[in-house]
Amino acid sequence: MEHRDLVSELALFFLQRKYEPGERVPSERELAERFKAGRGLIREALAYLEALRVIDRKAKSGIYMSNDTASVEALALFAQIGVPLQAEEVRQSNEMRRIHEITAVRLACERATLENFDRMRAVLATSMKRIDAGEPIDLEDRDFHLEIINATQNNIFYRIVRIFYLMTAERRRIYFQRPDRCRESHNEHIRIFEAIARRDAVEAMGLMDAHLKGVESYWTGLLDKPQTLEKQQPEAAWLRHISS
């Protein structure tokens, strides 16, 4: 078993068993037996989870669930292995995304290079082809927004925001199942791109704010009134998932 797979398996094991903060979990030896892995690999995976503030290891005592709030990287890991965010975490991640991306679009107006513009155009072209083919654009949506972050020329900023996109991959996949949402989002992307190309920071920031608020209000509405959803809608499955 590879290190990354073992980290995911251990995280899922701890979370599915719903250990409480501060509660003791199985020892290295017990985990090695359960996952059929060497003690060294188990120790490395546990060290990684400790760095993410998922667990605490106490010398001559044992392994305990952390009393600290899990790191943002841990939340991204949870999302990737199928552990849902809580409703309040969804709201807070939406708010943080808006704060980051409005700042990013302002900086992009000042700093974007010709290469950034070329990559944005390429993403928009691919997005249009997928819409014409009746396909979702969740990946193109991610790529467009991340290229705006990239256009700030701030690699740390890019790496931080990329974590939020890992956390929201499933939500974006669900959101873009409807062709009308794909087309509306694509058209908004075009307007944002044109404002950045004109170096019009005020307009670009306003467009980005409206764009993100629209998506945020959609998910907030679902979180507030999940009972209004029809069972066959993919959003209903997502809501049941985060509520379980």
Protein backbone atom coordinates (compact mmCIF):
# COMPACT_ATOMS: atom_id res chain seq x y z
CA MET A 1 0.00 0.00 0.00
CA GLU A 2 1.38 3.42 -0.99
CA HIS A 3 1.91 6.14 1.62
CA ARG A 4 -0.87 8.39 0.27
CA ASP A 5 -3.35 5.50 0.14
CA LEU A 6 -2.48 4.52 3.72
CA VAL A 7 -2.97 8.11 4.92
CA SER A 8 -6.42 8.15 3.31
CA GLU A 9 -7.35 4.74 4.72
CA LEU A 10 -6.31 5.74 8.23
CA ALA A 11 -8.14 9.07 8.06
CA LEU A 12 -11.29 7.35 6.84
CA PHE A 13 -10.97 4.72 9.57
CA PHE A 14 -10.75 7.33 12.33
CA LEU A 15 -13.57 9.47 10.97
CA GLN A 16 -16.01 6.69 10.17
CA ARG A 17 -15.72 5.39 13.72
CA LYS A 18 -16.54 8.88 14.98
CA TYR A 19 -13.90 9.05 17.67
CA GLU A 20 -14.39 12.11 19.86
CA PRO A 21 -11.70 14.81 20.22
CA GLY A 22 -9.19 13.60 22.78
CA GLU A 23 -10.37 9.99 22.53
CA ARG A 24 -7.70 7.31 22.29
CA VAL A 25 -7.52 5.32 19.04
CA PRO A 26 -5.83 1.99 18.24
CA SER A 27 -2.06 1.71 18.66
CA GLU A 28 0.55 1.56 15.88
CA ARG A 29 0.74 -2.20 16.29
CA GLU A 30 -3.04 -2.63 16.08
CA LEU A 31 -3.25 -0.38 13.04
CA ALA A 32 -0.39 -2.24 11.35
CA GLU A 33 -2.25 -5.51 11.84
CA ARG A 34 -5.58 -4.09 10.68
CA PHE A 35 -4.16 -2.52 7.51
CA LYS A 36 -1.55 -5.22 6.88
CA ALA A 37 1.22 -2.63 6.68
CA GLY A 38 4.63 -2.32 8.27
CA ARG A 39 5.02 -0.34 11.47
CA GLY A 40 7.33 2.10 9.68
CA LEU A 41 4.69 2.93 7.05
CA ILE A 42 2.02 3.28 9.73
CA ARG A 43 4.28 5.61 11.69
CA GLU A 44 4.90 7.81 8.62
CA ALA A 45 1.18 8.01 7.81
CA LEU A 46 0.35 8.88 11.40
CA ALA A 47 3.01 11.61 11.39
CA TYR A 48 1.34 13.10 8.31
CA LEU A 49 -2.10 13.02 9.95
CA GLU A 50 -0.62 14.62 13.05
CA ALA A 51 0.77 17.43 10.91
CA LEU A 52 -2.75 17.94 9.52
CA ARG A 53 -4.05 18.14 13.12
CA VAL A 54 -6.22 15.04 12.73
CA ILE A 55 -4.52 13.14 15.56
CA ASP A 56 -2.08 13.71 18.41
CA ARG A 57 0.64 11.22 19.32
CA LYS A 58 1.77 11.28 22.94
CA ALA A 59 5.00 9.59 23.97
CA LYS A 60 4.49 6.55 26.21
CA SER A 61 0.74 7.17 26.15
CA GLY A 62 -0.76 6.49 22.74
CA ILE A 63 -2.57 8.04 19.78
CA TYR A 64 -5.53 10.36 20.31
CA MET A 65 -7.92 12.29 18.13
CA SER A 66 -6.80 15.90 18.05
CA ASN A 67 -8.56 18.53 20.12
CA ASP A 68 -7.52 21.15 17.56
CA THR A 69 -9.50 22.11 14.47
CA ALA A 70 -8.32 20.11 11.47
CA SER A 71 -6.14 22.01 9.01
CA VAL A 72 -7.47 23.19 5.66
CA GLU A 73 -5.29 20.54 4.00
CA ALA A 74 -7.04 17.94 6.17
CA LEU A 75 -10.45 19.18 5.01
CA ALA A 76 -9.27 18.78 1.41
CA LEU A 77 -8.11 15.25 2.18
CA PHE A 78 -11.47 14.43 3.78
CA ALA A 79 -13.31 15.69 0.70
CA GLN A 80 -11.12 13.59 -1.60
CA ILE A 81 -11.75 10.37 0.33
CA GLY A 82 -15.49 10.98 0.55
CA VAL A 83 -15.85 12.44 4.05
CA PRO A 84 -18.32 15.34 3.74
CA LEU A 85 -17.87 18.81 5.17
CA GLN A 86 -20.40 19.94 7.74
CA ALA A 87 -22.98 22.50 6.65
CA GLU A 88 -21.24 25.33 8.50
CA GLU A 89 -17.91 24.35 6.93
CA VAL A 90 -19.56 24.57 3.50
CA ARG A 91 -20.79 28.09 4.28
CA GLN A 92 -17.41 29.17 5.58
CA SER A 93 -15.53 27.71 2.61
CA ASN A 94 -17.85 29.61 0.25
CA GLU A 95 -17.17 32.83 2.13
CA MET A 96 -13.41 32.29 2.05
CA ARG A 97 -13.51 31.52 -1.66
CA ARG A 98 -15.24 34.82 -2.38
CA ILE A 99 -12.76 36.79 -0.27
CA HIS A 100 -9.80 35.15 -2.02
CA GLU A 101 -11.08 35.39 -5.56
CA ILE A 102 -12.22 39.01 -5.45
CA THR A 103 -8.73 39.91 -4.27
CA ALA A 104 -7.25 37.65 -6.96
CA VAL A 105 -9.17 39.24 -9.80
CA ARG A 106 -7.97 42.70 -8.72
CA LEU A 107 -4.36 41.53 -8.70
CA ALA A 108 -4.85 39.72 -12.01
CA CYS A 109 -5.91 43.00 -13.62
CA GLU A 110 -2.55 44.45 -12.56
CA ARG A 111 -0.28 41.46 -13.13
CA ALA A 112 -1.73 39.08 -15.75
CA THR A 113 0.69 38.25 -18.57
CA LEU A 114 -0.02 37.35 -22.18
CA GLU A 115 0.52 33.71 -21.22
CA ASN A 116 -2.19 33.97 -18.56
CA PHE A 117 -4.60 35.47 -21.07
CA ASP A 118 -3.79 32.72 -23.58
CA ARG A 119 -4.52 30.03 -20.99
CA MET A 120 -7.82 31.70 -20.00
CA ARG A 121 -8.86 31.85 -23.65
CA ALA A 122 -7.98 28.17 -24.09
CA VAL A 123 -10.08 27.21 -21.06
CA LEU A 124 -13.02 29.25 -22.31
CA ALA A 125 -12.76 27.61 -25.75
CA THR A 126 -12.76 24.14 -24.19
CA SER A 127 -15.67 25.13 -21.98
CA MET A 128 -17.70 26.22 -25.01
CA LYS A 129 -17.00 22.92 -26.80
CA ARG A 130 -18.18 20.92 -23.81
CA ILE A 131 -21.35 23.01 -23.50
CA ASP A 132 -22.09 22.48 -27.19
CA ALA A 133 -21.63 18.75 -26.65
CA GLY A 134 -24.02 18.82 -23.67
CA GLU A 135 -21.25 17.99 -21.19
CA PRO A 136 -20.61 19.50 -17.73
CA ILE A 137 -17.86 22.09 -17.28
CA ASP A 138 -16.87 21.52 -13.65
CA LEU A 139 -13.21 20.99 -14.57
CA GLU A 140 -13.13 23.96 -16.90
CA ASP A 141 -14.75 26.10 -14.20
CA ARG A 142 -11.95 25.09 -11.84
CA ASP A 143 -9.26 25.74 -14.45
CA PHE A 144 -10.60 29.19 -15.32
CA HIS A 145 -10.73 30.36 -11.73
CA LEU A 146 -7.34 28.88 -10.89
CA GLU A 147 -5.78 30.63 -13.88
CA ILE A 148 -7.03 33.94 -12.48
CA ILE A 149 -5.30 33.03 -9.22
CA ASN A 150 -2.22 32.06 -11.21
CA ALA A 151 -2.31 35.47 -12.90
CA THR A 152 -1.61 37.12 -9.54
CA GLN A 153 1.94 35.71 -9.92
CA ASN A 154 1.74 34.63 -6.27
CA ASN A 155 2.49 30.93 -5.98
CA ILE A 156 1.60 30.71 -2.28
CA PHE A 157 -1.79 32.30 -3.02
CA TYR A 158 -2.32 29.76 -5.81
CA ARG A 159 -1.45 26.80 -3.58
CA ILE A 160 -3.82 27.96 -0.84
CA VAL A 161 -6.80 28.52 -3.15
CA ARG A 162 -6.17 25.23 -4.94
CA ILE A 163 -6.96 23.48 -1.66
CA PHE A 164 -10.44 25.00 -1.68
CA TYR A 165 -11.03 23.61 -5.16
CA LEU A 166 -10.08 20.14 -3.94
CA MET A 167 -12.61 20.55 -1.13
CA THR A 168 -15.44 21.53 -3.49
CA ALA A 169 -14.89 19.12 -6.40
CA GLU A 170 -18.02 17.07 -5.67
CA ARG A 171 -20.24 20.12 -5.27
CA ARG A 172 -19.05 21.57 -8.57
CA ARG A 173 -19.59 18.24 -10.32
CA ILE A 174 -23.21 18.24 -9.10
CA TYR A 175 -23.81 21.92 -9.84
CA PHE A 176 -22.71 21.66 -13.46
CA GLN A 177 -24.92 18.71 -14.35
CA ARG A 178 -27.50 21.16 -15.71
CA PRO A 179 -26.71 22.66 -19.14
CA ASP A 180 -28.32 26.01 -18.30
CA ARG A 181 -25.98 26.47 -15.35
CA CYS A 182 -22.99 25.59 -17.53
CA ARG A 183 -23.93 28.17 -20.13
CA GLU A 184 -24.73 30.90 -17.60
CA SER A 185 -21.46 30.35 -15.76
CA HIS A 186 -19.52 30.31 -19.02
CA ASN A 187 -21.04 33.62 -20.09
CA GLU A 188 -20.12 35.14 -16.74
CA HIS A 189 -16.58 33.83 -17.15
CA ILE A 190 -16.35 35.58 -20.52
CA ARG A 191 -17.39 38.91 -18.99
CA ILE A 192 -14.88 38.49 -16.16
CA PHE A 193 -12.15 37.67 -18.67
CA GLU A 194 -12.95 40.71 -20.79
CA ALA A 195 -12.81 42.98 -17.73
CA ILE A 196 -9.41 41.55 -16.74
CA ALA A 197 -8.17 41.98 -20.32
CA ARG A 198 -9.15 45.66 -20.13
CA ARG A 199 -7.35 45.89 -16.77
CA ASP A 200 -10.62 47.19 -15.31
CA ALA A 201 -10.25 46.07 -11.70
CA VAL A 202 -13.46 47.68 -10.44
CA GLU A 203 -15.64 45.97 -13.02
CA ALA A 204 -13.80 42.66 -12.73
CA MET A 205 -14.22 42.63 -8.96
CA GLY A 206 -17.92 43.41 -9.24
CA LEU A 207 -18.46 40.69 -11.81
CA MET A 208 -16.56 38.13 -9.75
CA ASP A 209 -18.48 39.06 -6.61
CA ALA A 210 -21.83 38.62 -8.39
CA HIS A 211 -20.66 35.39 -10.02
CA LEU A 212 -19.62 33.78 -6.72
CA LYS A 213 -22.60 35.11 -4.77
CA GLY A 214 -24.93 33.47 -7.26
CA VAL A 215 -23.38 30.05 -6.74
CA GLU A 216 -23.09 30.58 -2.98
CA SER A 217 -26.74 31.56 -2.63
CA TYR A 218 -27.75 28.42 -4.51
CA TRP A 219 -25.95 26.10 -2.08
CA THR A 220 -26.97 28.15 0.95
CA GLY A 221 -30.58 27.81 -0.12
CA LEU A 222 -30.24 24.05 -0.33
CA LEU A 223 -28.59 23.84 3.08
CA ASP A 224 -31.35 25.94 4.63
CA LYS A 225 -34.25 24.09 2.98
CA PRO A 226 -33.18 20.54 2.11
CA GLN A 227 -36.72 19.22 2.52
CA THR A 228 -37.81 20.99 -0.67
CA LEU A 229 -35.60 18.82 -2.88
CA GLU A 230 -36.96 15.98 -4.95
CA LYS A 231 -35.30 12.66 -4.12
CA GLN A 232 -34.08 12.09 -7.65
CA GLN A 233 -32.03 15.29 -7.73
CA PRO A 234 -28.26 14.83 -7.27
CA GLU A 235 -28.27 17.76 -4.83
CA ALA A 236 -30.54 15.74 -2.52
CA ALA A 237 -27.97 12.95 -2.31
CA TRP A 238 -25.26 15.49 -1.50
CA LEU A 239 -27.37 17.01 1.28
CA ARG A 240 -28.14 13.62 2.78
CA HIS A 241 -24.39 12.92 2.63
CA ILE A 242 -23.37 16.02 4.60
CA SER A 243 -26.16 15.50 7.11
CA SER A 244 -25.28 11.88 7.90
